[in-house]
Protein backbone atom coordinates (compact mmCIF):
# COMPACT_ATOMS: atom_id res chain seq x y z
CA MET A 1 -31.97 -10.73 26.17
CA ALA A 2 -30.23 -9.01 29.09
CA LYS A 3 -26.86 -10.58 28.17
CA VAL A 4 -27.05 -9.24 24.62
CA GLU A 5 -27.77 -5.77 25.98
CA GLN A 6 -24.72 -6.03 28.27
CA LYS A 7 -22.46 -7.14 25.40
CA ALA A 8 -23.54 -4.46 22.93
CA PRO A 9 -21.69 -1.53 24.61
CA ILE A 10 -18.45 -3.54 24.81
CA VAL A 11 -18.67 -4.60 21.16
CA GLU A 12 -19.41 -0.96 20.25
CA GLU A 13 -16.37 0.18 22.28
CA ILE A 14 -14.11 -2.24 20.39
CA SER A 15 -15.60 -1.16 17.06
CA LYS A 16 -14.95 2.52 17.82
CA THR A 17 -11.41 1.76 19.02
CA VAL A 18 -10.42 0.00 15.78
CA GLU A 19 -12.53 2.11 13.41
CA ASN A 20 -9.78 4.55 12.32
CA ALA A 21 -6.81 2.51 13.47
CA ALA A 22 -3.51 2.58 11.60
CA SER A 23 -2.75 -0.80 13.15
CA VAL A 24 -4.37 -3.46 15.30
CA VAL A 25 -2.28 -6.24 16.86
CA ILE A 26 -3.55 -9.36 18.61
CA VAL A 27 -1.26 -10.63 21.36
CA ASP A 28 -1.36 -13.68 23.64
CA TYR A 29 -0.47 -12.34 27.08
CA ARG A 30 -0.72 -15.71 28.84
CA GLY A 31 2.20 -16.26 31.21
CA ILE A 32 3.27 -12.68 31.90
CA THR A 33 3.26 -11.44 35.48
CA VAL A 34 1.13 -8.62 36.84
CA ALA A 35 4.23 -6.44 37.15
CA GLN A 36 5.14 -7.13 33.51
CA ASP A 37 1.57 -6.42 32.40
CA THR A 38 1.59 -3.12 34.30
CA ALA A 39 4.91 -2.12 32.72
CA LEU A 40 3.64 -3.06 29.25
CA ARG A 41 0.46 -1.05 29.70
CA ARG A 42 2.51 1.98 30.80
CA GLN A 43 4.75 1.74 27.71
CA MET A 44 1.73 1.42 25.45
CA ARG A 45 -0.02 4.39 27.06
CA GLU A 46 3.12 6.55 26.73
CA ALA A 47 3.28 5.72 23.01
CA GLY A 48 -0.40 6.56 22.49
CA VAL A 49 -1.38 2.93 21.92
CA THR A 50 -4.62 1.51 23.32
CA TYR A 51 -3.99 -1.87 24.96
CA LYS A 52 -6.93 -3.82 26.38
CA VAL A 53 -8.09 -7.32 27.11
CA TYR A 54 -11.49 -8.31 25.74
CA LYS A 55 -13.32 -11.59 25.38
CA ASN A 56 -12.69 -13.22 22.03
CA THR A 57 -16.43 -13.33 21.25
CA TYR A 58 -16.68 -9.56 21.71
CA MET A 59 -13.70 -8.94 19.43
CA THR A 60 -15.07 -11.37 16.82
CA ARG A 61 -18.40 -9.51 16.78
CA ALA A 62 -16.68 -6.12 16.58
CA PHE A 63 -14.42 -7.25 13.71
CA LYS A 64 -17.29 -8.78 11.69
CA ASP A 65 -17.72 -7.12 8.28
CA THR A 66 -14.71 -4.82 8.79
CA ALA A 67 -11.13 -4.73 7.52
CA PHE A 68 -10.15 -6.49 10.76
CA GLU A 69 -12.33 -9.57 10.27
CA SER A 70 -9.33 -11.72 9.29
CA LEU A 71 -8.00 -11.32 12.86
CA SER A 72 -10.92 -13.38 14.18
CA ASP A 73 -9.15 -16.59 13.10
CA THR A 74 -6.36 -15.90 15.63
CA LEU A 75 -8.68 -15.38 18.58
CA GLU A 76 -8.08 -18.52 20.63
CA GLY A 77 -7.03 -18.46 24.25
CA PRO A 78 -6.46 -15.29 26.26
CA ASN A 79 -5.83 -12.34 23.95
CA ALA A 80 -5.25 -8.64 24.23
CA ILE A 81 -5.57 -6.05 21.51
CA ALA A 82 -3.12 -3.20 20.86
CA VAL A 83 -4.44 -0.37 18.67
CA SER A 84 -2.63 2.68 17.33
CA LEU A 85 -4.36 5.49 15.49
CA ASP A 86 -1.20 7.33 14.42
CA ASP A 87 2.01 5.28 14.39
CA ALA A 88 1.27 2.09 12.47
CA THR A 89 4.37 0.27 13.70
CA ALA A 90 4.25 1.34 17.38
CA PRO A 91 2.23 -1.59 18.80
CA ALA A 92 4.38 -4.21 17.06
CA ARG A 93 7.63 -2.43 18.01
CA ILE A 94 6.69 -2.07 21.68
CA LEU A 95 5.35 -5.62 21.96
CA ALA A 96 8.39 -7.18 20.23
CA LYS A 97 10.81 -5.21 22.40
CA PHE A 98 8.86 -6.14 25.53
CA ALA A 99 8.73 -9.81 24.51
CA LYS A 100 12.54 -9.97 24.69
CA ASP A 101 12.27 -9.61 28.48
CA ALA A 102 8.94 -11.45 28.73
CA PRO A 103 9.16 -14.40 26.30
CA ALA A 104 5.68 -15.62 27.31
CA LEU A 105 4.21 -12.66 25.42
CA GLU A 106 3.38 -13.72 21.85
CA ILE A 107 2.32 -11.55 18.94
CA LYS A 108 -0.22 -13.59 16.98
CA ALA A 109 -1.19 -11.38 14.05
CA GLY A 110 -2.10 -7.86 13.09
CA ILE A 111 -3.52 -5.49 10.53
CA VAL A 112 -1.19 -2.65 9.59
CA GLU A 113 -2.57 0.02 7.28
CA GLY A 114 -5.21 -2.40 5.97
CA GLN A 115 -2.82 -5.32 5.32
CA TYR A 116 -3.00 -8.58 7.32
CA TYR A 117 0.28 -9.92 8.77
CA ASP A 118 0.86 -13.18 10.61
CA ALA A 119 3.32 -13.48 13.51
CA ALA A 120 6.35 -13.58 11.19
CA GLY A 121 5.10 -10.54 9.27
CA MET A 122 4.51 -8.66 12.51
CA ALA A 123 8.12 -9.40 13.53
CA LYS A 124 9.26 -7.67 10.35
CA ILE A 125 6.90 -4.74 11.00
CA ALA A 126 8.35 -4.47 14.53
CA SER A 127 11.82 -3.92 13.07
CA ILE A 128 10.72 -0.78 11.18
CA PRO A 129 11.90 2.37 12.99
CA SER A 130 9.34 4.91 14.17
CA ARG A 131 8.46 7.91 12.04
CA GLU A 132 10.48 10.18 14.36
CA GLU A 133 13.56 7.93 14.04
CA LEU A 134 13.25 7.91 10.24
CA LEU A 135 12.87 11.70 10.10
CA SER A 136 15.87 12.09 12.41
CA LYS A 137 18.00 9.89 10.14
CA LEU A 138 16.84 11.81 7.07
CA LEU A 139 17.64 15.14 8.68
CA GLY A 140 21.06 13.86 9.73
CA SER A 141 21.87 12.71 6.21
CA LEU A 142 20.72 16.05 4.77
CA GLN A 143 22.79 18.05 7.26
CA SER A 144 25.94 15.97 6.82
CA PRO A 145 27.16 17.54 3.53
CA ILE A 146 26.46 21.05 4.82
CA THR A 147 28.32 20.34 8.06
CA ASN A 148 31.30 18.87 6.18
CA PHE A 149 31.41 21.89 3.86
CA ALA A 150 31.36 24.27 6.84
CA ARG A 151 34.25 22.36 8.47
CA VAL A 152 36.36 22.61 5.31
CA ILE A 153 35.73 26.34 4.99
CA LYS A 154 36.62 26.83 8.67
CA GLN A 155 39.87 24.85 8.25
CA ILE A 156 40.83 26.92 5.21
CA ALA A 157 40.16 30.12 7.14
CA GLU A 158 42.20 28.87 10.13
CA LYS A 159 45.21 27.96 7.95
CA GLY A 160 45.41 31.44 6.59
CA GLY A 161 42.71 33.79 5.44
CA GLY A 162 45.02 35.12 2.73
CA ASP A 163 45.10 31.73 1.02
CA ALA A 164 41.32 31.61 1.03
CA ALA A 165 41.12 35.11 -0.43
CA ALA A 166 43.68 34.18 -3.09
CA ALA A 167 41.74 31.03 -3.90
CA ALA A 168 38.57 33.07 -4.23
CA GLU A 169 40.28 35.53 -6.57
CA ALA A 170 41.62 32.67 -8.68
CA SER A 171 38.18 31.12 -9.07
CA PRO A 172 36.44 31.46 -12.44
CA GLU A 173 33.62 33.47 -10.90
CA ALA A 174 36.06 36.07 -9.57
CA LYS A 175 37.77 36.46 -12.98
CA ALA A 176 34.59 36.96 -14.94
CA PRO A 177 35.20 39.47 -17.72
CA THR A 178 33.83 42.91 -17.06
CA ALA A 179 32.71 45.18 -19.81
CA GLU A 180 34.68 48.40 -19.91
CA VAL A 181 32.52 51.42 -20.22
CA PRO A 182 33.86 54.24 -22.37
CA ALA A 183 34.54 57.43 -20.43
CA GLU A 184 31.88 59.39 -22.35
CA GLN A 185 29.14 56.95 -21.26
CA ALA A 186 30.37 56.82 -17.67
CA GLU A 187 30.16 60.61 -17.32
CA ALA A 188 26.66 60.80 -18.79
């Protein structure tokens, strides 16, 4: 009975960690050095990702009857769990990038926004840019036409302001007909 009481807080901790997660990734860390593990943990922490090693039995119990239960099938051998509450692609991106320098690290599977992905699916998820990168690209593409327009106007002004003024006078908006007001109405 004492062992069950010792396990309950750990299972509860795992349950609370994954409860509102945007993504949960299971990774086999077997074969990475202590220095590599320390560097990986630092990267995860900086990105706001929880990265911990738990016993497979604890994770299986925590995942039971949840959206993460399908991950229990991948829990063989030494595993770690990477959980992100905000950025759904962050754990996969960080792990995949890190695995390039530490090939022993293996992403097994994950749940991203409620959808199960195997190792191949997680590789595709890892290639998705972060939200900040996507917003940056969007902002750049929105600013591009405005920037180009400003450059053209500046070049016209530099070549000769008179030409720009003449072009403005020749435009249809500048030659809009004006209604002449009879003198009697203008004086009144």
